[in-house]
N, C-alpha and C. Protein backbone atom coordinates (compact mmCIF):
# COMPACT_ATOMS: atom_id res chain seq x y z
N UNK A 1 21.53 -35.76 34.33
CA UNK A 1 20.47 -35.55 33.92
C UNK A 1 20.42 -36.34 32.62
N UNK A 2 19.23 -37.04 32.30
CA UNK A 2 19.36 -38.27 31.56
C UNK A 2 17.96 -37.80 30.79
N UNK A 3 18.06 -37.62 29.44
CA UNK A 3 16.83 -37.78 28.47
C UNK A 3 16.66 -38.95 27.99
N UNK A 4 15.60 -39.42 27.91
CA UNK A 4 14.98 -40.67 27.59
C UNK A 4 13.70 -40.69 26.92
N UNK A 5 12.99 -41.46 26.14
CA UNK A 5 11.82 -41.56 25.92
C UNK A 5 10.83 -41.75 27.12
N UNK A 6 9.65 -41.22 27.29
CA UNK A 6 9.06 -41.34 28.28
C UNK A 6 7.70 -42.70 28.51
N UNK A 7 8.00 -43.47 29.31
CA UNK A 7 7.26 -44.74 28.93
C UNK A 7 7.26 -45.48 27.72
N UNK A 8 8.56 -45.50 27.42
CA UNK A 8 8.81 -46.25 26.02
C UNK A 8 8.21 -45.25 24.83
N UNK A 9 7.59 -44.23 25.07
CA UNK A 9 7.05 -43.32 23.59
C UNK A 9 8.31 -42.72 23.21
N UNK A 10 8.43 -42.94 22.02
CA UNK A 10 9.85 -42.27 21.49
C UNK A 10 9.23 -40.82 21.22
N UNK A 11 8.04 -40.26 21.14
CA UNK A 11 7.49 -38.84 20.58
C UNK A 11 7.72 -37.93 21.90
N UNK A 12 7.58 -38.71 23.27
CA UNK A 12 7.50 -38.21 24.46
C UNK A 12 9.00 -38.24 24.95
N UNK A 13 9.49 -36.95 25.86
CA UNK A 13 10.94 -37.29 26.29
C UNK A 13 10.88 -36.93 27.89
N UNK A 14 11.37 -37.58 28.42
CA UNK A 14 11.87 -37.13 29.94
C UNK A 14 12.72 -36.76 30.40
N UNK A 15 13.06 -35.58 31.20
CA UNK A 15 14.42 -35.36 32.10
C UNK A 15 14.23 -35.91 33.08
N UNK A 16 15.30 -37.10 33.62
CA UNK A 16 15.47 -37.36 35.11
C UNK A 16 17.03 -37.01 35.67
N UNK A 17 16.52 -36.44 36.99
CA UNK A 17 17.95 -36.83 37.43
C UNK A 17 18.34 -38.17 37.94
N UNK A 18 19.87 -38.20 37.48
CA UNK A 18 20.61 -39.47 37.74
C UNK A 18 22.12 -39.32 37.60
N UNK A 19 22.61 -40.43 38.74
CA UNK A 19 23.99 -40.32 39.04
C UNK A 19 24.80 -40.02 38.07
N UNK A 20 24.52 -41.20 36.97
CA UNK A 20 25.49 -41.77 35.76
C UNK A 20 24.67 -41.82 34.76
N UNK A 21 25.56 -42.16 33.75
CA UNK A 21 24.84 -42.66 32.33
C UNK A 21 24.59 -44.17 32.34
N UNK A 22 23.61 -44.92 31.66
CA UNK A 22 23.40 -46.11 31.50
C UNK A 22 24.41 -46.46 30.46
N UNK A 23 24.77 -47.59 30.47
CA UNK A 23 25.77 -48.08 29.62
C UNK A 23 25.62 -47.93 28.12
N UNK A 24 24.44 -47.68 27.78
CA UNK A 24 24.20 -47.41 26.42
C UNK A 24 24.11 -45.97 25.83
N UNK A 25 24.44 -45.04 27.13
CA UNK A 25 23.79 -43.75 27.12
C UNK A 25 25.00 -43.18 26.01
N UNK A 26 24.58 -41.72 25.57
CA UNK A 26 25.40 -40.97 24.84
C UNK A 26 25.76 -39.85 25.80
N UNK A 27 27.05 -39.52 26.16
CA UNK A 27 27.47 -38.39 27.30
C UNK A 27 27.62 -37.09 26.40
N UNK A 28 26.94 -36.16 26.34
CA UNK A 28 27.27 -34.86 25.95
C UNK A 28 27.61 -33.89 27.21
N UNK A 29 28.72 -32.97 27.10
CA UNK A 29 29.23 -32.04 27.95
C UNK A 29 29.24 -30.69 27.37
N UNK A 30 28.66 -29.80 27.87
CA UNK A 30 28.79 -28.37 27.81
C UNK A 30 28.63 -27.53 28.73
N UNK A 31 29.62 -26.41 28.82
CA UNK A 31 29.64 -25.64 29.88
C UNK A 31 29.50 -26.04 31.23
N UNK A 32 30.37 -27.17 31.45
CA UNK A 32 30.51 -28.05 32.84
C UNK A 32 28.91 -28.97 32.87
N UNK A 33 28.00 -28.95 31.89
CA UNK A 33 26.86 -29.61 32.49
C UNK A 33 27.01 -30.93 31.72
N UNK A 34 26.81 -32.15 32.00
CA UNK A 34 26.53 -33.20 31.33
C UNK A 34 25.33 -34.03 31.29
N UNK A 35 25.01 -34.22 30.40
CA UNK A 35 23.95 -34.78 29.65
C UNK A 35 24.10 -36.43 29.34
N UNK A 36 23.11 -37.27 29.84
CA UNK A 36 22.92 -38.42 29.25
C UNK A 36 21.82 -38.68 28.42
N UNK A 37 21.93 -39.22 27.07
CA UNK A 37 20.81 -39.26 26.40
C UNK A 37 20.84 -40.74 25.95
N UNK A 38 19.47 -41.18 26.14
CA UNK A 38 19.59 -42.68 25.87
C UNK A 38 19.79 -42.62 23.95
N UNK A 39 20.04 -44.02 23.62
CA UNK A 39 21.15 -43.85 22.19
C UNK A 39 19.94 -43.61 20.96
N UNK A 40 18.73 -44.02 21.41
CA UNK A 40 17.66 -43.44 20.17
C UNK A 40 17.46 -41.69 20.26
N UNK A 41 17.35 -41.51 21.57
CA UNK A 41 17.28 -40.08 21.55
C UNK A 41 18.15 -39.24 20.85
N UNK A 42 19.30 -39.90 21.19
CA UNK A 42 20.75 -39.01 20.97
C UNK A 42 20.59 -38.65 19.28
N UNK A 43 20.18 -39.85 18.86
CA UNK A 43 19.86 -39.13 17.18
C UNK A 43 19.12 -38.68 16.94
N UNK A 44 17.79 -38.21 17.55
CA UNK A 44 17.00 -37.63 17.41
C UNK A 44 16.94 -36.10 17.68
N UNK A 45 18.14 -36.20 19.00
CA UNK A 45 18.28 -34.30 19.45
C UNK A 45 19.94 -33.97 18.91
N UNK A 46 20.25 -34.74 17.95
CA UNK A 46 21.87 -34.23 17.30
C UNK A 46 22.09 -33.16 17.07
N UNK A 47 21.13 -32.70 16.30
CA UNK A 47 21.08 -30.96 15.49
C UNK A 47 20.25 -30.05 16.71
N UNK A 48 20.15 -30.31 17.71
CA UNK A 48 19.31 -29.90 18.71
C UNK A 48 19.77 -28.90 19.30
N UNK A 49 19.11 -27.89 20.04
CA UNK A 49 19.59 -27.01 20.98
C UNK A 49 18.91 -27.10 22.35
N UNK A 50 19.52 -27.46 23.47
CA UNK A 50 18.78 -27.65 24.71
C UNK A 50 18.88 -26.46 25.39
N UNK A 51 17.95 -25.57 25.96
CA UNK A 51 17.98 -24.43 26.68
C UNK A 51 17.33 -24.45 27.97
N UNK A 52 17.94 -24.40 28.82
CA UNK A 52 17.11 -24.32 30.27
C UNK A 52 17.12 -22.83 31.00
N UNK A 53 15.75 -22.72 31.53
CA UNK A 53 15.70 -21.39 31.96
C UNK A 53 14.72 -21.45 33.62
N UNK A 54 15.29 -20.54 34.26
CA UNK A 54 14.68 -20.53 35.54
C UNK A 54 13.19 -19.22 35.11
N UNK A 55 12.15 -19.64 36.05
CA UNK A 55 10.97 -18.78 35.80
C UNK A 55 10.65 -17.88 37.11
N UNK A 56 10.24 -16.93 37.33
CA UNK A 56 9.79 -15.84 38.02
C UNK A 56 9.95 -16.64 40.01
N UNK A 57 9.40 -17.98 39.87
CA UNK A 57 9.43 -18.82 40.87
C UNK A 57 10.14 -19.41 41.13
N UNK A 58 11.69 -19.32 40.09
CA UNK A 58 12.37 -20.49 40.70
C UNK A 58 12.41 -21.71 40.07
N UNK A 59 11.54 -22.15 39.17
CA UNK A 59 11.41 -23.63 38.64
C UNK A 59 11.91 -23.42 37.00
N UNK A 60 12.78 -24.99 37.13
CA UNK A 60 13.50 -24.65 36.18
C UNK A 60 12.33 -25.20 34.78
N UNK A 61 12.77 -24.83 33.44
CA UNK A 61 11.92 -24.89 32.53
C UNK A 61 13.09 -25.44 31.37
N UNK A 62 12.66 -26.05 30.62
CA UNK A 62 13.45 -26.67 29.49
C UNK A 62 13.02 -26.72 28.13
N UNK A 63 13.60 -26.01 27.04
CA UNK A 63 13.23 -25.92 25.45
C UNK A 63 14.21 -26.96 24.79
N UNK A 64 13.61 -27.50 24.16
CA UNK A 64 14.56 -28.23 22.97
C UNK A 64 13.93 -27.93 21.40
N UNK A 65 14.93 -27.17 20.92
CA UNK A 65 14.66 -26.20 19.53
C UNK A 65 15.70 -26.78 18.27
N UNK A 66 15.26 -26.43 17.25
CA UNK A 66 16.12 -26.65 15.99
C UNK A 66 17.08 -25.31 15.83
N UNK A 67 18.04 -25.08 15.62
CA UNK A 67 18.68 -23.88 15.32
C UNK A 67 18.39 -23.20 13.65
N UNK A 68 17.94 -22.51 13.28
CA UNK A 68 17.94 -21.74 12.36
C UNK A 68 19.00 -22.25 10.91
N UNK A 69 18.52 -22.68 10.09
CA UNK A 69 19.61 -22.96 8.90
C UNK A 69 20.27 -21.87 8.57
N UNK A 70 21.33 -21.32 8.06
CA UNK A 70 22.34 -20.07 7.64
C UNK A 70 21.56 -20.11 6.53
N UNK A 71 21.14 -21.01 5.68
CA UNK A 71 20.59 -20.69 3.98
C UNK A 71 19.08 -19.94 3.95
N UNK A 72 18.60 -20.40 4.90
CA UNK A 72 17.26 -20.18 5.13
C UNK A 72 17.08 -18.55 6.12
N UNK A 73 18.05 -18.09 6.01
CA UNK A 73 17.82 -16.81 7.12
C UNK A 73 17.79 -15.59 5.97
N UNK A 74 16.53 -14.76 6.44
CA UNK A 74 16.22 -13.59 5.36
C UNK A 74 17.42 -12.78 5.35
């Protein structure tokens, strides 16, 4: 899977199935899953968490979130 700006708009991201990374992509691996991040997207997502879930109908959904900072937890 590759995450990159959608239609050249850096404020919108697209997740696209691909066979391999582009020459300038950053490759991230976790739990046997490989993600390819377009170089500008990699910088934006560096401190984020990608969560993948299946809904009741079997469709995949994705959520990108920022983990809570330890010093700001109550």
